[in-house]
PDB file of N, CA and C in Angstrom:
ATOM      1  N   UNK A   1      12.229  -3.885   6.334  1.00  0.00           N
ATOM      2  CA  UNK A   1      11.346  -3.122   6.785  1.00  0.00           C
ATOM      3  C   UNK A   1      10.688  -2.455   5.713  1.00  0.00           C
ATOM      4  N   UNK A   2       9.161  -2.702   5.761  1.00  0.00           N
ATOM      5  CA  UNK A   2       8.192  -2.307   4.324  1.00  0.00           C
ATOM      6  C   UNK A   2       8.350  -1.014   4.233  1.00  0.00           C
ATOM      7  N   UNK A   3       8.258  -0.798   2.761  1.00  0.00           N
ATOM      8  CA  UNK A   3       8.387   0.382   2.201  1.00  0.00           C
ATOM      9  C   UNK A   3       6.757   1.331   2.920  1.00  0.00           C
ATOM     10  N   UNK A   4       5.733   0.836   3.329  1.00  0.00           N
ATOM     11  CA  UNK A   4       4.504   1.315   3.690  1.00  0.00           C
ATOM     12  C   UNK A   4       4.895   1.828   5.093  1.00  0.00           C
ATOM     13  N   UNK A   5       6.079   1.038   6.149  1.00  0.00           N
ATOM     14  CA  UNK A   5       6.222   1.433   7.726  1.00  0.00           C
ATOM     15  C   UNK A   5       6.982   2.547   7.530  1.00  0.00           C
ATOM     16  N   UNK A   6       8.084   2.539   6.316  1.00  0.00           N
ATOM     17  CA  UNK A   6       9.230   3.863   6.605  1.00  0.00           C
ATOM     18  C   UNK A   6       8.201   5.133   5.951  1.00  0.00           C
ATOM     19  N   UNK A   7       6.815   4.610   5.120  1.00  0.00           N
ATOM     20  CA  UNK A   7       6.498   6.173   4.809  1.00  0.00           C
ATOM     21  C   UNK A   7       5.356   6.784   6.247  1.00  0.00           C
ATOM     22  N   UNK A   8       5.028   5.539   6.349  1.00  0.00           N
ATOM     23  CA  UNK A   8       4.503   6.196   7.869  1.00  0.00           C
ATOM     24  C   UNK A   8       5.020   6.586   9.115  1.00  0.00           C
ATOM     25  N   UNK A   9       6.173   6.429   8.833  1.00  0.00           N
ATOM     26  CA  UNK A   9       7.391   6.801  10.282  1.00  0.00           C
ATOM     27  C   UNK A   9       7.534   8.367   9.883  1.00  0.00           C
ATOM     28  N   UNK A  10       7.936   8.050   8.849  1.00  0.00           N
ATOM     29  CA  UNK A  10       8.335   9.435   7.687  1.00  0.00           C
ATOM     30  C   UNK A  10       7.311  10.666   8.136  1.00  0.00           C
ATOM     31  N   UNK A  11       6.068  10.113   7.933  1.00  0.00           N
ATOM     32  CA  UNK A  11       4.707  11.521   7.965  1.00  0.00           C
ATOM     33  C   UNK A  11       4.654  11.469   9.101  1.00  0.00           C
ATOM     34  N   UNK A  12       4.793  10.336  10.078  1.00  0.00           N
ATOM     35  CA  UNK A  12       4.360  10.485  11.657  1.00  0.00           C
ATOM     36  C   UNK A  12       5.685  11.616  12.052  1.00  0.00           C
ATOM     37  N   UNK A  13       7.161  11.532  11.770  1.00  0.00           N
ATOM     38  CA  UNK A  13       7.775  12.102  12.150  1.00  0.00           C
ATOM     39  C   UNK A  13       8.133  13.645  12.021  1.00  0.00           C
ATOM     40  N   UNK A  14       7.575  14.028  10.555  1.00  0.00           N
ATOM     41  CA  UNK A  14       7.271  15.210  10.050  1.00  0.00           C
ATOM     42  C   UNK A  14       5.584  16.090  10.843  1.00  0.00           C
ATOM     43  N   UNK A  15       4.972  15.114  10.780  1.00  0.00           N
ATOM     44  CA  UNK A  15       3.754  15.710  11.560  1.00  0.00           C
ATOM     45  C   UNK A  15       3.670  16.182  13.240  1.00  0.00           C
ATOM     46  N   UNK A  16       5.001  15.527  13.727  1.00  0.00           N
ATOM     47  CA  UNK A  16       5.429  15.504  15.376  1.00  0.00           C
ATOM     48  C   UNK A  16       6.612  16.809  15.397  1.00  0.00           C
ATOM     49  N   UNK A  17       7.040  17.078  14.352  1.00  0.00           N
ATOM     50  CA  UNK A  17       7.954  18.115  14.200  1.00  0.00           C
ATOM     51  C   UNK A  17       7.318  19.571  14.002  1.00  0.00           C
ATOM     52  N   UNK A  18       6.312  19.383  12.802  1.00  0.00           N
ATOM     53  CA  UNK A  18       5.378  20.867  12.540  1.00  0.00           C
ATOM     54  C   UNK A  18       4.687  20.739  14.213  1.00  0.00           C
ATOM     55  N   UNK A  19       4.034  20.020  15.032  1.00  0.00           N
ATOM     56  CA  UNK A  19       3.354  20.253  16.162  1.00  0.00           C
ATOM     57  C   UNK A  19       4.294  20.551  16.979  1.00  0.00           C
ATOM     58  N   UNK A  20       5.454  20.245  17.190  1.00  0.00           N
ATOM     59  CA  UNK A  20       6.390  20.955  18.069  1.00  0.00           C
ATOM     60  C   UNK A  20       6.777  22.423  17.573  1.00  0.00           C
ATOM     61  N   UNK A  21       7.109  22.695  16.936  1.00  0.00           N
ATOM     62  CA  UNK A  21       7.077  23.956  16.334  1.00  0.00           C
ATOM     63  C   UNK A  21       5.995  24.868  16.478  1.00  0.00           C
ATOM     64  N   UNK A  22       5.108  24.148  16.123  1.00  0.00           N
ATOM     65  CA  UNK A  22       3.774  25.483  16.074  1.00  0.00           C
ATOM     66  C   UNK A  22       3.477  25.575  17.774  1.00  0.00           C
ATOM     67  N   UNK A  23       3.638  24.970  18.633  1.00  0.00           N
ATOM     68  CA  UNK A  23       3.600  24.442  20.139  1.00  0.00           C
ATOM     69  C   UNK A  23       4.407  25.697  20.863  1.00  0.00           C
ATOM     70  N   UNK A  24       5.410  25.609  19.921  1.00  0.00           N
ATOM     71  CA  UNK A  24       6.838  26.404  20.470  1.00  0.00           C
ATOM     72  C   UNK A  24       6.888  27.852  20.239  1.00  0.00           C
ATOM     73  N   UNK A  25       5.942  28.107  19.166  1.00  0.00           N
ATOM     74  CA  UNK A  25       5.892  29.523  18.561  1.00  0.00           C
ATOM     75  C   UNK A  25       5.351  30.536  19.255  1.00  0.00           C
ATOM     76  N   UNK A  26       5.657  31.825  19.225  1.00  0.00           N
ATOM     77  CA  UNK A  26       5.620  32.704  20.170  1.00  0.00           C
ATOM     78  C   UNK A  26       3.843  33.565  19.495  1.00  0.00           C
ATOM     79  N   UNK A  27       2.696  32.654  19.340  1.00  0.00           N
ATOM     80  CA  UNK A  27       1.401  33.085  19.433  1.00  0.00           C
ATOM     81  C   UNK A  27       0.649  33.051  20.579  1.00  0.00           C
ATOM     82  N   UNK A  28      -0.558  33.279  20.400  1.00  0.00           N
ATOM     83  CA  UNK A  28      -1.652  33.409  21.644  1.00  0.00           C
ATOM     84  C   UNK A  28      -1.987  31.423  21.738  1.00  0.00           C
ATOM     85  N   UNK A  29      -2.671  31.384  22.364  1.00  0.00           N
ATOM     86  CA  UNK A  29      -3.187  30.034  22.688  1.00  0.00           C
ATOM     87  C   UNK A  29      -3.991  29.852  21.646  1.00  0.00           C
ATOM     88  N   UNK A  30      -5.236  30.680  21.379  1.00  0.00           N
ATOM     89  CA  UNK A  30      -6.156  30.325  20.503  1.00  0.00           C
ATOM     90  C   UNK A  30      -5.494  30.524  19.275  1.00  0.00           C
ATOM     91  N   UNK A  31      -4.522  31.057  18.707  1.00  0.00           N
ATOM     92  CA  UNK A  31      -3.982  31.284  17.246  1.00  0.00           C
ATOM     93  C   UNK A  31      -3.419  29.993  17.210  1.00  0.00           C
ATOM     94  N   UNK A  32      -2.719  29.502  18.089  1.00  0.00           N
ATOM     95  CA  UNK A  32      -1.831  28.190  18.065  1.00  0.00           C
ATOM     96  C   UNK A  32      -2.554  27.120  17.962  1.00  0.00           C
ATOM     97  N   UNK A  33      -3.704  26.792  18.595  1.00  0.00           N
ATOM     98  CA  UNK A  33      -4.379  25.754  18.699  1.00  0.00           C
ATOM     99  C   UNK A  33      -5.410  25.751  17.409  1.00  0.00           C
ATOM    100  N   UNK A  34      -5.680  26.967  16.714  1.00  0.00           N
ATOM    101  CA  UNK A  34      -6.050  26.791  15.525  1.00  0.00           C
ATOM    102  C   UNK A  34      -5.164  26.480  14.243  1.00  0.00           C
ATOM    103  N   UNK A  35      -4.052  26.903  14.642  1.00  0.00           N
ATOM    104  CA  UNK A  35      -2.895  26.556  13.422  1.00  0.00           C
ATOM    105  C   UNK A  35      -2.692  24.968  13.484  1.00  0.00           C
ATOM    106  N   UNK A  36      -2.675  24.287  15.095  1.00  0.00           N
ATOM    107  CA  UNK A  36      -2.912  22.692  14.885  1.00  0.00           C
ATOM    108  C   UNK A  36      -3.890  22.112  14.349  1.00  0.00           C
ATOM    109  N   UNK A  37      -5.045  22.868  14.436  1.00  0.00           N
ATOM    110  CA  UNK A  37      -6.193  21.856  13.886  1.00  0.00           C
ATOM    111  C   UNK A  37      -6.191  21.952  12.608  1.00  0.00           C
ATOM    112  N   UNK A  38      -5.541  23.105  11.941  1.00  0.00           N
ATOM    113  CA  UNK A  38      -5.231  23.223  10.217  1.00  0.00           C
ATOM    114  C   UNK A  38      -4.409  22.217   9.921  1.00  0.00           C
ATOM    115  N   UNK A  39      -3.445  22.202  10.785  1.00  0.00           N
ATOM    116  CA  UNK A  39      -1.989  21.411  10.216  1.00  0.00           C
ATOM    117  C   UNK A  39      -2.535  19.823  10.337  1.00  0.00           C
ATOM    118  N   UNK A  40      -3.088  19.605  11.451  1.00  0.00           N
ATOM    119  CA  UNK A  40      -3.500  18.037  11.801  1.00  0.00           C
ATOM    120  C   UNK A  40      -4.446  17.815  10.617  1.00  0.00           C
ATOM    121  N   UNK A  41      -5.466  18.652  10.466  1.00  0.00           N
ATOM    122  CA  UNK A  41      -5.925  18.366   9.230  1.00  0.00           C
ATOM    123  C   UNK A  41      -5.506  18.049   7.771  1.00  0.00           C
ATOM    124  N   UNK A  42      -4.480  18.921   7.395  1.00  0.00           N
ATOM    125  CA  UNK A  42      -3.734  19.018   6.185  1.00  0.00           C
ATOM    126  C   UNK A  42      -2.767  17.421   5.981  1.00  0.00           C
ATOM    127  N   UNK A  43      -2.392  17.544   7.665  1.00  0.00           N
ATOM    128  CA  UNK A  43      -1.498  16.103   7.478  1.00  0.00           C
ATOM    129  C   UNK A  43      -2.567  14.798   7.529  1.00  0.00           C
ATOM    130  N   UNK A  44      -3.505  14.917   8.207  1.00  0.00           N
ATOM    131  CA  UNK A  44      -4.225  13.813   8.130  1.00  0.00           C
ATOM    132  C   UNK A  44      -4.827  13.427   6.702  1.00  0.00           C
ATOM    133  N   UNK A  45      -5.298  14.572   5.927  1.00  0.00           N
ATOM    134  CA  UNK A  45      -5.397  14.389   4.190  1.00  0.00           C
ATOM    135  C   UNK A  45      -4.594  13.757   3.787  1.00  0.00           C
ATOM    136  N   UNK A  46      -3.078  14.213   3.893  1.00  0.00           N
ATOM    137  CA  UNK A  46      -2.184  13.760   3.246  1.00  0.00           C
ATOM    138  C   UNK A  46      -1.797  12.243   3.606  1.00  0.00           C
ATOM    139  N   UNK A  47      -2.021  12.014   4.762  1.00  0.00           N
ATOM    140  CA  UNK A  47      -1.711  10.728   5.155  1.00  0.00           C
ATOM    141  C   UNK A  47      -2.817   9.502   4.457  1.00  0.00           C
ATOM    142  N   UNK A  48      -4.301  10.039   4.599  1.00  0.00           N
ATOM    143  CA  UNK A  48      -4.953   9.496   3.894  1.00  0.00           C
ATOM    144  C   UNK A  48      -4.968   9.322   2.194  1.00  0.00           C
ATOM    145  N   UNK A  49      -4.256  10.127   1.808  1.00  0.00           N
ATOM    146  CA  UNK A  49      -3.884  10.343   0.271  1.00  0.00           C
ATOM    147  C   UNK A  49      -2.854   8.785  -0.007  1.00  0.00           C
ATOM    148  N   UNK A  50      -1.961   9.170   1.006  1.00  0.00           N
ATOM    149  CA  UNK A  50      -0.646   8.459   0.781  1.00  0.00           C
ATOM    150  C   UNK A  50      -1.254   6.473   0.856  1.00  0.00           C
ATOM    151  N   UNK A  51      -1.963   6.830   2.202  1.00  0.00           N
ATOM    152  CA  UNK A  51      -2.270   5.310   2.103  1.00  0.00           C
ATOM    153  C   UNK A  51      -3.171   4.781   1.273  1.00  0.00           C
ATOM    154  N   UNK A  52      -4.111   5.524   0.435  1.00  0.00           N
ATOM    155  CA  UNK A  52      -4.682   5.074  -0.173  1.00  0.00           C
ATOM    156  C   UNK A  52      -4.218   4.971  -1.879  1.00  0.00           C
ATOM    157  N   UNK A  53      -2.996   5.608  -2.075  1.00  0.00           N
ATOM    158  CA  UNK A  53      -1.927   4.791  -3.033  1.00  0.00           C
ATOM    159  C   UNK A  53      -1.562   3.840  -2.483  1.00  0.00           C
ATOM    160  N   UNK A  54      -0.854   3.494  -1.163  1.00  0.00           N
ATOM    161  CA  UNK A  54      -0.461   2.245  -0.835  1.00  0.00           C
ATOM    162  C   UNK A  54      -1.026   0.880  -1.032  1.00  0.00           C
ATOM    163  N   UNK A  55      -2.833   1.333  -0.831  1.00  0.00           N
ATOM    164  CA  UNK A  55      -3.552   0.142  -0.869  1.00  0.00           C
ATOM    165  C   UNK A  55      -3.607  -0.242  -2.350  1.00  0.00           C
ATOM    166  N   UNK A  56      -3.721   0.956  -3.392  1.00  0.00           N
ATOM    167  CA  UNK A  56      -3.878   0.719  -4.461  1.00  0.00           C
ATOM    168  C   UNK A  56      -2.905   0.175  -5.164  1.00  0.00           C
ATOM    169  N   UNK A  57      -1.665   0.738  -4.491  1.00  0.00           N
ATOM    170  CA  UNK A  57      -0.313  -0.360  -5.356  1.00  0.00           C
ATOM    171  C   UNK A  57      -0.431  -2.027  -4.831  1.00  0.00           C
ATOM    172  N   UNK A  58      -0.745  -2.166  -3.567  1.00  0.00           N
ATOM    173  CA  UNK A  58      -0.858  -3.465  -3.045  1.00  0.00           C
ATOM    174  C   UNK A  58      -2.153  -3.999  -4.048  1.00  0.00           C
ATOM    175  N   UNK A  59      -2.968  -3.670  -4.386  1.00  0.00           N
ATOM    176  CA  UNK A  59      -4.394  -4.212  -4.754  1.00  0.00           C
ATOM    177  C   UNK A  59      -3.485  -4.519  -6.383  1.00  0.00           C
ATOM    178  N   UNK A  60      -3.120  -3.602  -6.834  1.00  0.00           N
ATOM    179  CA  UNK A  60      -2.289  -3.727  -8.296  1.00  0.00           C
ATOM    180  C   UNK A  60      -1.204  -4.875  -8.236  1.00  0.00           C
ATOM    181  N   UNK A  61      -0.719  -5.239  -7.094  1.00  0.00           N
ATOM    182  CA  UNK A  61       0.567  -6.120  -7.340  1.00  0.00           C
ATOM    183  C   UNK A  61      -0.183  -7.401  -6.894  1.00  0.00           C
ATOM    184  N   UNK A  62      -1.404  -7.659  -6.172  1.00  0.00           N
ATOM    185  CA  UNK A  62      -2.264  -8.796  -5.785  1.00  0.00           C
ATOM    186  C   UNK A  62      -2.605  -9.091  -7.338  1.00  0.00           C
ATOM    187  N   UNK A  63      -3.344  -8.254  -8.034  1.00  0.00           N
ATOM    188  CA  UNK A  63      -4.389  -8.875  -8.970  1.00  0.00           C
ATOM    189  C   UNK A  63      -3.415  -9.204 -10.031  1.00  0.00           C
ATOM    190  N   UNK A  64      -2.005  -8.476  -9.940  1.00  0.00           N
ATOM    191  CA  UNK A  64      -0.868  -8.895 -10.946  1.00  0.00           C
ATOM    192  C   UNK A  64      -0.728 -10.563 -10.761  1.00  0.00           C
ATOM    193  N   UNK A  65      -0.315 -10.656  -9.374  1.00  0.00           N
ATOM    194  CA  UNK A  65       0.111 -12.178  -8.983  1.00  0.00           C
ATOM    195  C   UNK A  65      -1.046 -13.124  -9.358  1.00  0.00           C
ATOM    196  N   UNK A  66      -2.492 -13.026  -8.844  1.00  0.00           N
ATOM    197  CA  UNK A  66      -2.973 -14.126  -9.176  1.00  0.00           C
ATOM    198  C   UNK A  66      -3.480 -14.138 -10.693  1.00  0.00           C
ATOM    199  N   UNK A  67      -3.395 -13.223 -11.192  1.00  0.00           N
ATOM    200  CA  UNK A  67      -3.347 -13.528 -12.948  1.00  0.00           C
ATOM    201  C   UNK A  67      -2.224 -14.315 -13.248  1.00  0.00           C
ATOM    202  N   UNK A  68      -1.475 -14.275 -12.535  1.00  0.00           N
ATOM    203  CA  UNK A  68      -0.283 -14.796 -13.067  1.00  0.00           C
ATOM    204  C   UNK A  68      -0.463 -16.328 -12.247  1.00  0.00           C
ATOM    205  N   UNK A  69      -0.591 -16.447 -11.229  1.00  0.00           N
ATOM    206  CA  UNK A  69      -1.330 -17.933 -10.732  1.00  0.00           C
ATOM    207  C   UNK A  69      -2.075 -18.963 -11.984  1.00  0.00           C
ATOM    208  N   UNK A  70      -3.046 -17.965 -12.068  1.00  0.00           N
ATOM    209  CA  UNK A  70      -4.193 -18.469 -12.847  1.00  0.00           C
ATOM    210  C   UNK A  70      -3.513 -18.601 -14.256  1.00  0.00           C
ATOM    211  N   UNK A  71      -2.578 -18.235 -14.801  1.00  0.00           N
ATOM    212  CA  UNK A  71      -1.928 -18.645 -16.090  1.00  0.00           C
ATOM    213  C   UNK A  71      -1.312 -19.686 -16.096  1.00  0.00           C
ATOM    214  N   UNK A  72      -0.177 -19.809 -14.672  1.00  0.00           N
ATOM    215  CA  UNK A  72       0.439 -20.837 -14.340  1.00  0.00           C
ATOM    216  C   UNK A  72      -0.203 -22.429 -14.421  1.00  0.00           C
ATOM    217  N   UNK A  73      -1.355 -22.270 -13.271  1.00  0.00           N
ATOM    218  CA  UNK A  73      -2.565 -23.049 -13.282  1.00  0.00           C
ATOM    219  C   UNK A  73      -2.927 -23.794 -14.565  1.00  0.00           C
ATOM    220  N   UNK A  74      -3.296 -22.527 -15.400  1.00  0.00           N
ATOM    221  CA  UNK A  74      -3.478 -22.969 -16.764  1.00  0.00           C
ATOM    222  C   UNK A  74      -3.454 -23.567 -17.635  1.00  0.00           C
ATOM    223  N   UNK A  75      -1.388 -23.200 -17.641  1.00  0.00           N
ATOM    224  CA  UNK A  75      -0.824 -24.005 -18.399  1.00  0.00           C
ATOM    225  C   UNK A  75      -0.194 -25.927 -17.871  1.00  0.00           C
ATOM    226  N   UNK A  76      -0.611 -25.711 -16.553  1.00  0.00           N
ATOM    227  CA  UNK A  76      -0.252 -26.946 -15.893  1.00  0.00           C
ATOM    228  C   UNK A  76      -1.163 -27.870 -16.333  1.00  0.00           C
ATOM    229  N   UNK A  77      -2.561 -27.388 -16.230  1.00  0.00           N
ATOM    230  CA  UNK A  77      -3.947 -28.094 -16.383  1.00  0.00           C
ATOM    231  C   UNK A  77      -3.223 -28.807 -17.751  1.00  0.00           C
ATOM    232  N   UNK A  78      -3.137 -27.980 -18.932  1.00  0.00           N
ATOM    233  CA  UNK A  78      -3.138 -28.098 -20.163  1.00  0.00           C
ATOM    234  C   UNK A  78      -1.933 -29.239 -20.466  1.00  0.00           C
ATOM    235  N   UNK A  79      -0.510 -28.954 -20.114  1.00  0.00           N
ATOM    236  CA  UNK A  79       0.234 -30.043 -20.036  1.00  0.00           C
ATOM    237  C   UNK A  79      -0.461 -31.576 -19.277  1.00  0.00           C
ATOM    238  N   UNK A  80      -1.094 -31.195 -18.033  1.00  0.00           N
ATOM    239  CA  UNK A  80      -1.638 -32.708 -17.413  1.00  0.00           C
ATOM    240  C   UNK A  80      -2.197 -33.057 -18.676  1.00  0.00           C
ATOM    241  N   UNK A  81      -3.210 -32.711 -19.190  1.00  0.00           N
ATOM    242  CA  UNK A  81      -3.943 -33.400 -20.129  1.00  0.00           C
ATOM    243  C   UNK A  81      -3.265 -33.437 -21.463  1.00  0.00           C
ATOM    244  N   UNK A  82      -2.324 -33.130 -21.797  1.00  0.00           N
ATOM    245  CA  UNK A  82      -1.586 -33.545 -22.801  1.00  0.00           C
ATOM    246  C   UNK A  82      -0.990 -34.646 -22.382  1.00  0.00           C
ATOM    247  N   UNK A  83      -0.251 -34.981 -21.245  1.00  0.00           N
ATOM    248  CA  UNK A  83       0.415 -35.912 -20.805  1.00  0.00           C
ATOM    249  C   UNK A  83      -0.528 -37.243 -20.339  1.00  0.00           C
ATOM    250  N   UNK A  84      -1.686 -36.795 -20.523  1.00  0.00           N
ATOM    251  CA  UNK A  84      -2.981 -38.026 -20.284  1.00  0.00           C
ATOM    252  C   UNK A  84      -2.849 -38.737 -21.438  1.00  0.00           C
ATOM    253  N   UNK A  85      -3.285 -37.662 -22.417  1.00  0.00           N
ATOM    254  CA  UNK A  85      -3.315 -38.097 -23.824  1.00  0.00           C
ATOM    255  C   UNK A  85      -2.477 -38.941 -24.268  1.00  0.00           C
ATOM    256  N   UNK A  86      -1.254 -38.605 -24.219  1.00  0.00           N
ATOM    257  CA  UNK A  86      -0.021 -39.158 -24.921  1.00  0.00           C
ATOM    258  C   UNK A  86       0.051 -40.514 -24.093  1.00  0.00           C
ATOM    259  N   UNK A  87      -0.222 -40.770 -22.831  1.00  0.00           N
ATOM    260  CA  UNK A  87      -0.121 -42.190 -22.106  1.00  0.00           C
ATOM    261  C   UNK A  87      -1.303 -42.744 -22.390  1.00  0.00           C
ATOM    262  N   UNK A  88      -2.122 -42.221 -22.649  1.00  0.00           N
ATOM    263  CA  UNK A  88      -3.563 -42.823 -23.228  1.00  0.00           C
ATOM    264  C   UNK A  88      -3.107 -43.925 -24.815  1.00  0.00           C
ATOM    265  N   UNK A  89      -2.898 -42.804 -25.555  1.00  0.00           N
ATOM    266  CA  UNK A  89      -2.045 -43.099 -26.808  1.00  0.00           C
ATOM    267  C   UNK A  89      -1.135 -44.340 -26.646  1.00  0.00           C
ATOM    268  N   UNK A  90      -0.045 -43.992 -26.105  1.00  0.00           N
ATOM    269  CA  UNK A  90       0.949 -45.215 -25.981  1.00  0.00           C
ATOM    270  C   UNK A  90       0.319 -46.502 -25.150  1.00  0.00           C
ATOM    271  N   UNK A  91      -0.762 -46.278 -24.575  1.00  0.00           N
ATOM    272  CA  UNK A  91      -0.953 -48.152 -24.152  1.00  0.00           C
ATOM    273  C   UNK A  91      -1.986 -48.307 -25.168  1.00  0.00           C
ATOM    274  N   UNK A  92      -2.243 -47.839 -26.056  1.00  0.00           N
ATOM    275  CA  UNK A  92      -3.214 -48.315 -26.933  1.00  0.00           C
ATOM    276  C   UNK A  92      -2.677 -49.072 -27.741  1.00  0.00           C
TER     277      UNK A  92
END
């Protein structure tokens, strides 16, 4: 299971727990709705921040892999050119 799915599950569980706690609180309906709205906004903002951090992490890893592949391809090309030159020199 990926860490992104685990994080999303944990945040969803926390949000659901907080929502149930507020719903069963002994406040008036209007007060409860305001609390839900404020908490929902806070959780949405936190989830957005976590998602952006996750995307940044994935982007960073992708860029590193891309760089590694590019380096590997460059090394392979250099070795290939060297082998061609050696083959031509031995045939001459």
